[in-house]
Amino acid sequence: MVRLGNPVRDLRYLLDQGYHREPAVNFVSNHYRLRLPERHLLARCVFSKREAAEHRRKAVGVQEVRGKWLSLDGYNVLITSESILAGKHVIRCDDGFVRDLRAIFGKYKFSRITERAIKEILRAVVRAKPSKVVVLFDKQVSRSGELARMVRRELRELHLKGDSRAVGGVDFKLRAFDVVASSDRVVIKRARTAWDIPAELLKRKRAKILDLSKLV
């Protein structure tokens, strides 16, 4: 990646001044002639101080999930977890949440890591001890039903109370639960509290992680 200190600093400034995210990201990216991965990083990981603080306020750890109803933003958690297990770069963003740069939502493909990632995610859920867990996948994405069945099988094997479904309107349905596992900014905005499962995986796995707080 190119040196990102100045682009990150400039975008933070614009967002703090109230500029809308998309035009601000485009302006900074074009000014510095950033490539697609760097543009994705700015779009997904840089926040205004106000929004970053709001996300941190909603963030909860394993202990705070115990006994709660938990929902998982299926593709969001799965894709980032796969990146960690595959040794790809992930980013600890301005709001403290871990995100990846794989812009593949809508064209997700099974890989040799898929089943392993599902097992690792659900083991993290077992450690958190929620009273119930529901994993939701967007039904418009190919093979979402198959993924949901894989997760249901693992839930039974781990004796976790819950379900996994391929549904429409995932973002809307997630907010009905006590805790949402997701790093999607729209989901976090609507959620009561948010749990970062990929961050939990990083405590036990080696991965290439870029911490934005150390860039500037």
N, C-alpha and C. Protein backbone atom coordinates (compact mmCIF):
# COMPACT_ATOMS: atom_id res chain seq x y z
N MET A 1 0.83 -1.20 0.00
CA MET A 1 0.00 0.00 0.00
C MET A 1 0.87 1.25 0.00
N VAL A 2 0.31 2.32 -0.56
CA VAL A 2 1.01 3.60 -0.54
C VAL A 2 0.99 4.14 0.87
N ARG A 3 1.77 5.17 1.11
CA ARG A 3 1.75 5.82 2.42
C ARG A 3 0.39 6.48 2.62
N LEU A 4 -0.27 6.12 3.72
CA LEU A 4 -1.66 6.55 3.90
C LEU A 4 -1.85 7.60 4.99
N GLY A 5 -0.76 8.03 5.61
CA GLY A 5 -0.89 8.99 6.70
C GLY A 5 -1.64 10.25 6.31
N ASN A 6 -1.24 10.88 5.22
CA ASN A 6 -1.89 12.12 4.79
C ASN A 6 -3.33 11.90 4.33
N PRO A 7 -3.61 10.89 3.49
CA PRO A 7 -5.01 10.66 3.11
C PRO A 7 -5.92 10.40 4.30
N VAL A 8 -5.46 9.60 5.25
CA VAL A 8 -6.28 9.31 6.43
C VAL A 8 -6.52 10.58 7.23
N ARG A 9 -5.47 11.35 7.42
CA ARG A 9 -5.59 12.61 8.18
C ARG A 9 -6.55 13.58 7.49
N ASP A 10 -6.44 13.69 6.18
CA ASP A 10 -7.29 14.64 5.44
C ASP A 10 -8.75 14.21 5.48
N LEU A 11 -9.00 12.89 5.33
CA LEU A 11 -10.39 12.43 5.36
C LEU A 11 -10.99 12.62 6.75
N ARG A 12 -10.23 12.34 7.78
CA ARG A 12 -10.73 12.56 9.13
C ARG A 12 -11.14 14.02 9.32
N TYR A 13 -10.31 14.92 8.81
CA TYR A 13 -10.60 16.35 8.95
C TYR A 13 -11.91 16.69 8.25
N LEU A 14 -12.08 16.22 7.02
CA LEU A 14 -13.30 16.54 6.27
C LEU A 14 -14.54 15.97 6.96
N LEU A 15 -14.44 14.75 7.46
CA LEU A 15 -15.58 14.16 8.15
C LEU A 15 -15.89 14.91 9.44
N ASP A 16 -14.86 15.35 10.15
CA ASP A 16 -15.08 16.13 11.37
C ASP A 16 -15.76 17.46 11.07
N GLN A 17 -15.56 17.98 9.86
CA GLN A 17 -16.18 19.25 9.46
C GLN A 17 -17.60 19.05 8.95
N GLY A 18 -18.06 17.81 8.89
CA GLY A 18 -19.43 17.56 8.50
C GLY A 18 -19.64 17.19 7.05
N TYR A 19 -18.55 16.98 6.29
CA TYR A 19 -18.70 16.59 4.89
C TYR A 19 -19.29 15.17 4.81
N HIS A 20 -20.10 14.95 3.78
CA HIS A 20 -20.67 13.62 3.58
C HIS A 20 -19.57 12.63 3.20
N ARG A 21 -19.73 11.39 3.66
CA ARG A 21 -18.67 10.40 3.53
C ARG A 21 -18.27 10.13 2.08
N GLU A 22 -19.21 9.79 1.23
CA GLU A 22 -18.86 9.36 -0.13
C GLU A 22 -18.11 10.43 -0.93
N PRO A 23 -18.61 11.68 -1.01
CA PRO A 23 -17.83 12.69 -1.75
C PRO A 23 -16.49 13.00 -1.10
N ALA A 24 -16.42 12.93 0.23
CA ALA A 24 -15.15 13.20 0.92
C ALA A 24 -14.14 12.11 0.59
N VAL A 25 -14.58 10.84 0.60
CA VAL A 25 -13.68 9.72 0.25
C VAL A 25 -13.21 9.87 -1.19
N ASN A 26 -14.13 10.20 -2.10
CA ASN A 26 -13.76 10.36 -3.51
C ASN A 26 -12.77 11.50 -3.71
N PHE A 27 -12.99 12.61 -3.03
CA PHE A 27 -12.11 13.77 -3.17
C PHE A 27 -10.69 13.42 -2.72
N VAL A 28 -10.57 12.82 -1.52
CA VAL A 28 -9.24 12.49 -0.99
C VAL A 28 -8.57 11.42 -1.85
N SER A 29 -9.33 10.42 -2.26
CA SER A 29 -8.77 9.34 -3.08
C SER A 29 -8.26 9.86 -4.41
N ASN A 30 -9.03 10.72 -5.05
CA ASN A 30 -8.61 11.28 -6.34
C ASN A 30 -7.41 12.21 -6.18
N HIS A 31 -7.41 12.99 -5.10
CA HIS A 31 -6.31 13.93 -4.86
C HIS A 31 -4.98 13.19 -4.73
N TYR A 32 -4.99 12.06 -4.01
CA TYR A 32 -3.77 11.30 -3.79
C TYR A 32 -3.59 10.16 -4.79
N ARG A 33 -4.50 10.07 -5.75
CA ARG A 33 -4.44 9.04 -6.78
C ARG A 33 -4.32 7.64 -6.18
N LEU A 34 -5.19 7.37 -5.25
CA LEU A 34 -5.16 6.10 -4.54
C LEU A 34 -5.71 4.98 -5.41
N ARG A 35 -5.16 3.80 -5.21
CA ARG A 35 -5.67 2.60 -5.88
C ARG A 35 -6.90 2.09 -5.14
N LEU A 36 -7.57 1.09 -5.75
CA LEU A 36 -8.82 0.59 -5.19
C LEU A 36 -8.69 0.10 -3.75
N PRO A 37 -7.65 -0.69 -3.39
CA PRO A 37 -7.56 -1.13 -1.99
C PRO A 37 -7.48 0.02 -0.99
N GLU A 38 -6.71 1.08 -1.35
CA GLU A 38 -6.61 2.22 -0.45
C GLU A 38 -7.93 2.98 -0.36
N ARG A 39 -8.65 3.06 -1.46
CA ARG A 39 -9.96 3.70 -1.44
C ARG A 39 -10.92 2.93 -0.53
N HIS A 40 -10.89 1.61 -0.63
CA HIS A 40 -11.73 0.79 0.24
C HIS A 40 -11.36 1.01 1.70
N LEU A 41 -10.08 1.12 1.98
CA LEU A 41 -9.65 1.35 3.36
C LEU A 41 -10.22 2.65 3.90
N LEU A 42 -10.11 3.72 3.13
CA LEU A 42 -10.67 5.00 3.58
C LEU A 42 -12.17 4.90 3.81
N ALA A 43 -12.86 4.26 2.87
CA ALA A 43 -14.32 4.18 2.94
C ALA A 43 -14.79 3.36 4.13
N ARG A 44 -14.07 2.31 4.45
CA ARG A 44 -14.52 1.38 5.49
C ARG A 44 -13.98 1.69 6.88
N CYS A 45 -12.86 2.39 6.96
CA CYS A 45 -12.13 2.41 8.23
C CYS A 45 -11.90 3.79 8.84
N VAL A 46 -12.10 4.85 8.11
CA VAL A 46 -11.85 6.19 8.64
C VAL A 46 -13.18 6.84 9.02
N PHE A 47 -13.24 7.40 10.23
CA PHE A 47 -14.48 7.97 10.75
C PHE A 47 -14.22 9.34 11.38
N SER A 48 -15.27 10.11 11.48
CA SER A 48 -15.18 11.34 12.25
C SER A 48 -15.00 10.98 13.72
N LYS A 49 -14.49 11.91 14.49
CA LYS A 49 -14.31 11.65 15.92
C LYS A 49 -15.65 11.31 16.57
N ARG A 50 -16.69 11.99 16.15
CA ARG A 50 -18.01 11.77 16.75
C ARG A 50 -18.53 10.36 16.46
N GLU A 51 -18.44 9.93 15.19
CA GLU A 51 -18.96 8.60 14.85
C GLU A 51 -18.10 7.50 15.48
N ALA A 52 -16.78 7.69 15.47
CA ALA A 52 -15.90 6.70 16.09
C ALA A 52 -16.22 6.54 17.57
N ALA A 53 -16.46 7.65 18.25
CA ALA A 53 -16.78 7.60 19.67
C ALA A 53 -18.11 6.90 19.92
N GLU A 54 -19.08 7.12 19.04
CA GLU A 54 -20.37 6.45 19.17
C GLU A 54 -20.23 4.94 19.00
N HIS A 55 -19.42 4.51 18.03
CA HIS A 55 -19.19 3.08 17.83
C HIS A 55 -18.50 2.47 19.06
N ARG A 56 -17.51 3.17 19.59
CA ARG A 56 -16.81 2.65 20.77
C ARG A 56 -17.75 2.56 21.97
N ARG A 57 -18.68 3.49 22.07
CA ARG A 57 -19.63 3.47 23.18
C ARG A 57 -20.53 2.24 23.11
N LYS A 58 -20.85 1.81 21.90
CA LYS A 58 -21.73 0.65 21.72
C LYS A 58 -20.98 -0.69 21.77
N ALA A 59 -19.68 -0.66 21.65
CA ALA A 59 -18.89 -1.89 21.58
C ALA A 59 -18.92 -2.62 22.92
N VAL A 60 -19.10 -3.94 22.86
CA VAL A 60 -19.08 -4.77 24.07
C VAL A 60 -18.09 -5.92 23.88
N GLY A 61 -17.64 -6.46 24.99
CA GLY A 61 -16.74 -7.61 24.98
C GLY A 61 -17.47 -8.89 25.28
N VAL A 62 -16.70 -9.98 25.38
CA VAL A 62 -17.28 -11.30 25.60
C VAL A 62 -18.16 -11.34 26.84
N GLN A 63 -17.70 -10.75 27.93
CA GLN A 63 -18.43 -10.84 29.19
C GLN A 63 -19.81 -10.21 29.08
N GLU A 64 -19.93 -9.17 28.26
CA GLU A 64 -21.20 -8.45 28.15
C GLU A 64 -22.19 -9.12 27.20
N VAL A 65 -21.74 -10.17 26.50
CA VAL A 65 -22.65 -10.93 25.64
C VAL A 65 -23.37 -12.02 26.43
N ARG A 66 -22.78 -12.42 27.52
CA ARG A 66 -23.31 -13.54 28.31
C ARG A 66 -24.77 -13.31 28.71
N GLY A 67 -25.59 -14.31 28.40
CA GLY A 67 -26.99 -14.26 28.79
C GLY A 67 -27.86 -13.40 27.90
N LYS A 68 -27.29 -12.79 26.86
CA LYS A 68 -28.04 -11.90 25.97
C LYS A 68 -28.48 -12.64 24.70
N TRP A 69 -29.45 -12.06 24.01
CA TRP A 69 -29.83 -12.53 22.68
C TRP A 69 -28.87 -11.90 21.69
N LEU A 70 -28.20 -12.75 20.93
CA LEU A 70 -27.14 -12.30 20.00
C LEU A 70 -27.54 -12.59 18.56
N SER A 71 -27.33 -11.60 17.70
CA SER A 71 -27.51 -11.83 16.26
C SER A 71 -26.18 -11.59 15.55
N LEU A 72 -25.93 -12.38 14.51
CA LEU A 72 -24.71 -12.25 13.72
C LEU A 72 -25.04 -11.79 12.30
N ASP A 73 -24.35 -10.76 11.87
CA ASP A 73 -24.42 -10.28 10.49
C ASP A 73 -23.55 -11.25 9.67
N GLY A 74 -24.19 -12.31 9.14
CA GLY A 74 -23.48 -13.47 8.63
C GLY A 74 -22.32 -13.19 7.70
N TYR A 75 -22.57 -12.54 6.58
CA TYR A 75 -21.50 -12.31 5.61
C TYR A 75 -20.44 -11.35 6.16
N ASN A 76 -20.86 -10.35 6.89
CA ASN A 76 -19.91 -9.38 7.43
C ASN A 76 -18.89 -10.06 8.33
N VAL A 77 -19.37 -10.88 9.26
CA VAL A 77 -18.47 -11.57 10.20
C VAL A 77 -17.66 -12.65 9.48
N LEU A 78 -18.31 -13.39 8.60
CA LEU A 78 -17.64 -14.50 7.92
C LEU A 78 -16.50 -14.03 7.03
N ILE A 79 -16.73 -13.00 6.23
CA ILE A 79 -15.71 -12.55 5.28
C ILE A 79 -14.47 -12.03 6.00
N THR A 80 -14.67 -11.24 7.04
CA THR A 80 -13.51 -10.73 7.78
C THR A 80 -12.78 -11.86 8.50
N SER A 81 -13.53 -12.81 9.05
CA SER A 81 -12.90 -13.95 9.73
C SER A 81 -12.10 -14.80 8.75
N GLU A 82 -12.61 -14.99 7.55
CA GLU A 82 -11.87 -15.72 6.53
C GLU A 82 -10.57 -15.00 6.18
N SER A 83 -10.61 -13.68 6.10
CA SER A 83 -9.39 -12.92 5.80
C SER A 83 -8.34 -13.15 6.87
N ILE A 84 -8.75 -13.18 8.12
CA ILE A 84 -7.82 -13.43 9.23
C ILE A 84 -7.21 -14.82 9.10
N LEU A 85 -8.03 -15.82 8.87
CA LEU A 85 -7.54 -17.19 8.80
C LEU A 85 -6.67 -17.42 7.56
N ALA A 86 -6.91 -16.65 6.50
CA ALA A 86 -6.12 -16.79 5.27
C ALA A 86 -4.84 -15.97 5.31
N GLY A 87 -4.63 -15.21 6.39
CA GLY A 87 -3.42 -14.42 6.51
C GLY A 87 -3.43 -13.14 5.68
N LYS A 88 -4.63 -12.68 5.31
CA LYS A 88 -4.73 -11.44 4.54
C LYS A 88 -4.75 -10.25 5.49
N HIS A 89 -4.51 -9.05 4.92
CA HIS A 89 -4.51 -7.86 5.74
C HIS A 89 -5.90 -7.56 6.29
N VAL A 90 -5.95 -7.22 7.57
CA VAL A 90 -7.15 -6.65 8.17
C VAL A 90 -6.73 -5.36 8.86
N ILE A 91 -7.71 -4.51 9.13
CA ILE A 91 -7.41 -3.18 9.66
C ILE A 91 -8.17 -2.95 10.95
N ARG A 92 -7.47 -2.46 11.96
CA ARG A 92 -8.14 -1.97 13.16
C ARG A 92 -8.45 -0.50 12.89
N CYS A 93 -9.72 -0.21 12.76
CA CYS A 93 -10.15 1.08 12.23
C CYS A 93 -10.25 2.15 13.32
N ASP A 94 -10.62 3.36 12.89
CA ASP A 94 -10.69 4.49 13.81
C ASP A 94 -11.61 4.23 15.00
N ASP A 95 -12.66 3.43 14.78
CA ASP A 95 -13.62 3.16 15.84
C ASP A 95 -13.27 1.94 16.68
N GLY A 96 -12.09 1.33 16.39
CA GLY A 96 -11.64 0.17 17.15
C GLY A 96 -12.10 -1.16 16.58
N PHE A 97 -13.03 -1.16 15.62
CA PHE A 97 -13.51 -2.41 15.02
C PHE A 97 -12.53 -2.90 13.96
N VAL A 98 -12.47 -4.23 13.82
CA VAL A 98 -11.58 -4.85 12.83
C VAL A 98 -12.37 -5.08 11.55
N ARG A 99 -11.79 -4.64 10.43
CA ARG A 99 -12.43 -4.82 9.13
C ARG A 99 -11.40 -5.29 8.11
N ASP A 100 -11.91 -5.82 7.00
CA ASP A 100 -11.03 -6.28 5.92
C ASP A 100 -11.28 -5.43 4.68
N LEU A 101 -10.52 -5.71 3.63
CA LEU A 101 -10.64 -4.94 2.39
C LEU A 101 -11.19 -5.78 1.24
N ARG A 102 -11.78 -6.91 1.55
CA ARG A 102 -12.31 -7.78 0.50
C ARG A 102 -13.70 -7.31 0.11
N ALA A 103 -13.78 -6.55 -0.95
CA ALA A 103 -15.06 -6.01 -1.39
C ALA A 103 -15.78 -7.05 -2.24
N ILE A 104 -16.24 -8.13 -1.58
CA ILE A 104 -16.80 -9.25 -2.34
C ILE A 104 -18.25 -9.53 -1.98
N PHE A 105 -18.85 -8.68 -1.16
CA PHE A 105 -20.24 -8.92 -0.80
C PHE A 105 -21.11 -8.87 -2.06
N GLY A 106 -22.01 -9.83 -2.18
CA GLY A 106 -22.84 -9.92 -3.36
C GLY A 106 -22.31 -10.93 -4.35
N LYS A 107 -21.04 -11.32 -4.21
CA LYS A 107 -20.45 -12.32 -5.09
C LYS A 107 -19.58 -13.27 -4.26
N TYR A 108 -20.06 -13.60 -3.07
CA TYR A 108 -19.31 -14.46 -2.17
C TYR A 108 -19.14 -15.85 -2.77
N LYS A 109 -17.95 -16.43 -2.58
CA LYS A 109 -17.69 -17.79 -3.04
C LYS A 109 -17.15 -18.63 -1.89
N PHE A 110 -17.64 -19.86 -1.81
CA PHE A 110 -17.10 -20.80 -0.83
C PHE A 110 -15.62 -21.02 -1.11
N SER A 111 -14.85 -21.28 -0.04
CA SER A 111 -13.43 -21.58 -0.19
C SER A 111 -13.06 -22.68 0.79
N ARG A 112 -11.81 -23.08 0.74
CA ARG A 112 -11.34 -24.12 1.66
C ARG A 112 -11.38 -23.63 3.11
N ILE A 113 -11.51 -22.33 3.31
CA ILE A 113 -11.49 -21.76 4.66
C ILE A 113 -12.90 -21.57 5.21
N THR A 114 -13.92 -21.65 4.36
CA THR A 114 -15.28 -21.31 4.78
C THR A 114 -15.73 -22.09 6.02
N GLU A 115 -15.64 -23.41 5.96
CA GLU A 115 -16.11 -24.23 7.07
C GLU A 115 -15.29 -23.98 8.33
N ARG A 116 -13.98 -23.83 8.15
CA ARG A 116 -13.13 -23.54 9.31
C ARG A 116 -13.50 -22.21 9.95
N ALA A 117 -13.77 -21.20 9.13
CA ALA A 117 -14.14 -19.88 9.65
C ALA A 117 -15.45 -19.97 10.44
N ILE A 118 -16.42 -20.71 9.92
CA ILE A 118 -17.69 -20.87 10.63
C ILE A 118 -17.45 -21.51 12.00
N LYS A 119 -16.62 -22.54 12.04
CA LYS A 119 -16.32 -23.20 13.32
C LYS A 119 -15.65 -22.24 14.30
N GLU A 120 -14.70 -21.45 13.82
CA GLU A 120 -14.00 -20.50 14.70
C GLU A 120 -14.95 -19.43 15.22
N ILE A 121 -15.83 -18.94 14.36
CA ILE A 121 -16.80 -17.93 14.77
C ILE A 121 -17.71 -18.48 15.87
N LEU A 122 -18.22 -19.68 15.66
CA LEU A 122 -19.16 -20.23 16.62
C LEU A 122 -18.47 -20.67 17.91
N ARG A 123 -17.20 -21.02 17.84
CA ARG A 123 -16.47 -21.29 19.09
C ARG A 123 -16.35 -20.02 19.92
N ALA A 124 -16.16 -18.89 19.24
CA ALA A 124 -16.12 -17.61 19.96
C ALA A 124 -17.48 -17.33 20.60
N VAL A 125 -18.55 -17.69 19.90
CA VAL A 125 -19.90 -17.51 20.45
C VAL A 125 -20.09 -18.41 21.67
N VAL A 126 -19.61 -19.64 21.60
CA VAL A 126 -19.71 -20.55 22.76
C VAL A 126 -19.04 -19.93 23.98
N ARG A 127 -17.86 -19.35 23.77
CA ARG A 127 -17.14 -18.74 24.89
C ARG A 127 -17.91 -17.55 25.47
N ALA A 128 -18.67 -16.87 24.62
CA ALA A 128 -19.41 -15.69 25.07
C ALA A 128 -20.68 -16.06 25.85
N LYS A 129 -21.22 -17.26 25.63
CA LYS A 129 -22.37 -17.78 26.36
C LYS A 129 -23.63 -16.91 26.26
N PRO A 130 -24.06 -16.58 25.04
CA PRO A 130 -25.34 -15.88 24.91
C PRO A 130 -26.49 -16.82 25.25
N SER A 131 -27.65 -16.27 25.57
CA SER A 131 -28.81 -17.12 25.84
C SER A 131 -29.36 -17.70 24.54
N LYS A 132 -29.16 -16.99 23.44
CA LYS A 132 -29.64 -17.43 22.13
C LYS A 132 -28.85 -16.71 21.05
N VAL A 133 -28.62 -17.39 19.91
CA VAL A 133 -27.90 -16.76 18.82
C VAL A 133 -28.63 -17.03 17.51
N VAL A 134 -28.73 -16.01 16.68
CA VAL A 134 -29.32 -16.15 15.35
C VAL A 134 -28.34 -15.57 14.33
N VAL A 135 -27.99 -16.36 13.32
CA VAL A 135 -27.07 -15.93 12.26
C VAL A 135 -27.88 -15.67 11.00
N LEU A 136 -27.76 -14.47 10.44
CA LEU A 136 -28.57 -14.09 9.29
C LEU A 136 -27.68 -13.83 8.07
N PHE A 137 -28.04 -14.45 6.95
CA PHE A 137 -27.36 -14.24 5.68
C PHE A 137 -28.35 -13.62 4.69
N ASP A 138 -27.85 -12.73 3.86
CA ASP A 138 -28.70 -12.08 2.84
C ASP A 138 -29.09 -13.11 1.79
N LYS A 139 -30.38 -13.35 1.64
CA LYS A 139 -30.85 -14.39 0.73
C LYS A 139 -30.59 -14.07 -0.75
N GLN A 140 -30.29 -12.81 -1.06
CA GLN A 140 -30.03 -12.45 -2.45
C GLN A 140 -28.65 -12.90 -2.92
N VAL A 141 -27.78 -13.26 -1.99
CA VAL A 141 -26.44 -13.71 -2.33
C VAL A 141 -26.49 -15.22 -2.60
N SER A 142 -25.83 -15.62 -3.67
CA SER A 142 -25.84 -17.03 -4.09
C SER A 142 -25.35 -17.95 -2.96
N ARG A 143 -26.07 -19.05 -2.77
CA ARG A 143 -25.73 -20.12 -1.84
C ARG A 143 -25.87 -19.71 -0.37
N SER A 144 -26.63 -18.64 -0.11
CA SER A 144 -26.86 -18.25 1.28
C SER A 144 -27.58 -19.33 2.06
N GLY A 145 -28.52 -20.00 1.40
CA GLY A 145 -29.23 -21.08 2.06
C GLY A 145 -28.31 -22.20 2.49
N GLU A 146 -27.33 -22.52 1.64
CA GLU A 146 -26.37 -23.56 1.98
C GLU A 146 -25.51 -23.16 3.17
N LEU A 147 -25.09 -21.90 3.20
CA LEU A 147 -24.32 -21.41 4.34
C LEU A 147 -25.14 -21.49 5.62
N ALA A 148 -26.40 -21.09 5.52
CA ALA A 148 -27.26 -21.12 6.70
C ALA A 148 -27.39 -22.55 7.23
N ARG A 149 -27.51 -23.53 6.32
CA ARG A 149 -27.60 -24.93 6.75
C ARG A 149 -26.32 -25.39 7.43
N MET A 150 -25.16 -24.98 6.89
CA MET A 150 -23.88 -25.32 7.51
C MET A 150 -23.81 -24.79 8.93
N VAL A 151 -24.26 -23.55 9.11
CA VAL A 151 -24.21 -22.95 10.44
C VAL A 151 -25.17 -23.66 11.38
N ARG A 152 -26.37 -24.00 10.90
CA ARG A 152 -27.32 -24.72 11.76
C ARG A 152 -26.75 -26.05 12.24
N ARG A 153 -26.05 -26.74 11.35
CA ARG A 153 -25.42 -28.01 11.73
C ARG A 153 -24.39 -27.79 12.83
N GLU A 154 -23.58 -26.75 12.69
CA GLU A 154 -22.56 -26.47 13.71
C GLU A 154 -23.20 -26.04 15.03
N LEU A 155 -24.29 -25.28 14.95
CA LEU A 155 -24.99 -24.89 16.17
C LEU A 155 -25.44 -26.11 16.95
N ARG A 156 -25.99 -27.10 16.24
CA ARG A 156 -26.43 -28.33 16.91
C ARG A 156 -25.26 -29.07 17.54
N GLU A 157 -24.15 -29.17 16.80
CA GLU A 157 -23.00 -29.91 17.30
C GLU A 157 -22.40 -29.24 18.54
N LEU A 158 -22.49 -27.93 18.60
CA LEU A 158 -21.93 -27.19 19.73
C LEU A 158 -22.96 -26.97 20.84
N HIS A 159 -24.17 -27.50 20.63
CA HIS A 159 -25.25 -27.38 21.61
C HIS A 159 -25.56 -25.91 21.92
N LEU A 160 -25.53 -25.09 20.87
CA LEU A 160 -25.89 -23.69 21.00
C LEU A 160 -27.36 -23.51 20.67
N LYS A 161 -28.08 -22.82 21.52
CA LYS A 161 -29.48 -22.54 21.26
C LYS A 161 -29.59 -21.41 20.24
N GLY A 162 -30.23 -21.68 19.12
CA GLY A 162 -30.38 -20.63 18.13
C GLY A 162 -30.71 -21.16 16.76
N ASP A 163 -30.48 -20.34 15.75
CA ASP A 163 -30.86 -20.68 14.39
C ASP A 163 -29.98 -19.90 13.42
N SER A 164 -30.03 -20.31 12.15
CA SER A 164 -29.35 -19.60 11.08
C SER A 164 -30.28 -19.58 9.88
N ARG A 165 -30.44 -18.39 9.26
CA ARG A 165 -31.41 -18.27 8.18
C ARG A 165 -30.87 -17.36 7.07
N ALA A 166 -31.36 -17.63 5.85
CA ALA A 166 -31.13 -16.72 4.73
C ALA A 166 -32.40 -15.90 4.56
N VAL A 167 -32.27 -14.59 4.74
CA VAL A 167 -33.45 -13.73 4.77
C VAL A 167 -33.20 -12.44 3.98
N GLY A 168 -34.26 -11.72 3.73
CA GLY A 168 -34.14 -10.39 3.17
C GLY A 168 -34.14 -9.36 4.29
N GLY A 169 -33.62 -8.18 4.01
CA GLY A 169 -33.62 -7.11 5.01
C GLY A 169 -32.80 -7.43 6.25
N VAL A 170 -31.61 -8.00 6.05
CA VAL A 170 -30.77 -8.41 7.18
C VAL A 170 -30.49 -7.23 8.11
N ASP A 171 -30.09 -6.10 7.56
CA ASP A 171 -29.72 -4.95 8.39
C ASP A 171 -30.85 -4.57 9.34
N PHE A 172 -32.07 -4.59 8.84
CA PHE A 172 -33.23 -4.21 9.66
C PHE A 172 -33.50 -5.24 10.74
N LYS A 173 -33.41 -6.52 10.41
CA LYS A 173 -33.73 -7.59 11.36
C LYS A 173 -32.69 -7.69 12.48
N LEU A 174 -31.44 -7.36 12.21
CA LEU A 174 -30.38 -7.49 13.21
C LEU A 174 -30.64 -6.64 14.45
N ARG A 175 -31.23 -5.49 14.26
CA ARG A 175 -31.33 -4.54 15.37
C ARG A 175 -32.35 -4.93 16.43
N ALA A 176 -33.10 -6.01 16.19
CA ALA A 176 -34.09 -6.45 17.17
C ALA A 176 -33.45 -7.18 18.35
N PHE A 177 -32.15 -7.48 18.28
CA PHE A 177 -31.48 -8.27 19.30
C PHE A 177 -30.72 -7.40 20.30
N ASP A 178 -30.40 -8.01 21.45
CA ASP A 178 -29.66 -7.27 22.49
C ASP A 178 -28.28 -6.86 21.99
N VAL A 179 -27.59 -7.80 21.33
CA VAL A 179 -26.23 -7.58 20.84
C VAL A 179 -26.16 -7.99 19.37
N VAL A 180 -25.51 -7.18 18.57
CA VAL A 180 -25.30 -7.50 17.15
C VAL A 180 -23.81 -7.69 16.91
N ALA A 181 -23.45 -8.78 16.26
CA ALA A 181 -22.06 -9.00 15.86
C ALA A 181 -21.91 -8.53 14.42
N SER A 182 -21.27 -7.38 14.25
CA SER A 182 -21.09 -6.79 12.92
C SER A 182 -20.12 -5.63 13.02
N SER A 183 -19.45 -5.33 11.89
CA SER A 183 -18.62 -4.12 11.83
C SER A 183 -19.18 -3.14 10.80
N ASP A 184 -20.36 -3.45 10.25
CA ASP A 184 -20.99 -2.57 9.27
C ASP A 184 -21.46 -1.29 9.97
N ARG A 185 -21.05 -0.13 9.47
CA ARG A 185 -21.36 1.12 10.15
C ARG A 185 -22.87 1.38 10.22
N VAL A 186 -23.61 0.99 9.19
CA VAL A 186 -25.06 1.17 9.21
C VAL A 186 -25.70 0.28 10.27
N VAL A 187 -25.22 -0.95 10.38
CA VAL A 187 -25.74 -1.88 11.38
C VAL A 187 -25.41 -1.38 12.79
N ILE A 188 -24.18 -0.94 12.99
CA ILE A 188 -23.77 -0.45 14.32
C ILE A 188 -24.61 0.76 14.72
N LYS A 189 -24.88 1.62 13.77
CA LYS A 189 -25.67 2.83 14.05
C LYS A 189 -27.05 2.47 14.60
N ARG A 190 -27.64 1.39 14.08
CA ARG A 190 -28.99 1.00 14.49
C ARG A 190 -29.00 0.08 15.71
N ALA A 191 -27.85 -0.52 16.03
CA ALA A 191 -27.80 -1.53 17.08
C ALA A 191 -27.79 -0.91 18.47
N ARG A 192 -28.25 -1.70 19.44
CA ARG A 192 -28.14 -1.28 20.84
C ARG A 192 -26.68 -1.41 21.29
N THR A 193 -26.09 -2.58 21.03
CA THR A 193 -24.69 -2.82 21.32
C THR A 193 -24.11 -3.67 20.20
N ALA A 194 -22.78 -3.64 20.03
CA ALA A 194 -22.13 -4.37 18.93
C ALA A 194 -20.90 -5.11 19.46
N TRP A 195 -20.76 -6.35 19.00
CA TRP A 195 -19.63 -7.19 19.39
C TRP A 195 -18.78 -7.50 18.17
N ASP A 196 -17.47 -7.36 18.31
CA ASP A 196 -16.53 -7.54 17.20
C ASP A 196 -15.91 -8.94 17.29
N ILE A 197 -16.53 -9.91 16.62
CA ILE A 197 -16.03 -11.29 16.68
C ILE A 197 -14.65 -11.44 16.02
N PRO A 198 -14.38 -10.83 14.84
CA PRO A 198 -13.02 -10.93 14.29
C PRO A 198 -11.94 -10.43 15.26
N ALA A 199 -12.24 -9.42 16.05
CA ALA A 199 -11.27 -8.97 17.05
C ALA A 199 -11.00 -10.05 18.08
N GLU A 200 -12.03 -10.85 18.40
CA GLU A 200 -11.84 -11.98 19.31
C GLU A 200 -10.94 -13.03 18.68
N LEU A 201 -11.13 -13.29 17.38
CA LEU A 201 -10.29 -14.28 16.70
C LEU A 201 -8.84 -13.84 16.68
N LEU A 202 -8.61 -12.54 16.55
CA LEU A 202 -7.23 -12.02 16.50
C LEU A 202 -6.47 -12.27 17.80
N LYS A 203 -7.19 -12.47 18.89
CA LYS A 203 -6.52 -12.76 20.16
C LYS A 203 -5.87 -14.14 20.15
N ARG A 204 -6.33 -15.00 19.22
CA ARG A 204 -5.86 -16.38 19.17
C ARG A 204 -5.18 -16.74 17.86
N LYS A 205 -5.22 -15.84 16.88
CA LYS A 205 -4.66 -16.12 15.56
C LYS A 205 -3.65 -15.05 15.16
N ARG A 206 -2.63 -15.47 14.47
CA ARG A 206 -1.70 -14.51 13.89
C ARG A 206 -2.26 -13.98 12.59
N ALA A 207 -2.17 -12.69 12.38
CA ALA A 207 -2.69 -12.10 11.15
C ALA A 207 -1.94 -10.81 10.85
N LYS A 208 -2.05 -10.38 9.61
CA LYS A 208 -1.46 -9.11 9.20
C LYS A 208 -2.46 -8.01 9.52
N ILE A 209 -2.15 -7.21 10.53
CA ILE A 209 -3.11 -6.20 10.95
C ILE A 209 -2.49 -4.81 10.88
N LEU A 210 -3.23 -3.89 10.30
CA LEU A 210 -2.81 -2.50 10.20
C LEU A 210 -3.66 -1.69 11.16
N ASP A 211 -3.01 -1.01 12.08
CA ASP A 211 -3.72 -0.19 13.08
C ASP A 211 -3.70 1.25 12.61
N LEU A 212 -4.87 1.79 12.26
CA LEU A 212 -4.92 3.15 11.72
C LEU A 212 -4.46 4.19 12.72
N SER A 213 -4.61 3.90 14.01
CA SER A 213 -4.20 4.87 15.02
C SER A 213 -2.71 5.13 15.01
N LYS A 214 -1.94 4.22 14.38
CA LYS A 214 -0.49 4.37 14.33
C LYS A 214 0.00 4.98 13.03
N LEU A 215 -0.94 5.32 12.13
CA LEU A 215 -0.53 5.88 10.84
C LEU A 215 -0.19 7.35 10.92
N VAL A 216 -0.83 8.07 11.82
CA VAL A 216 -0.62 9.52 11.89
C VAL A 216 -0.34 9.92 13.32
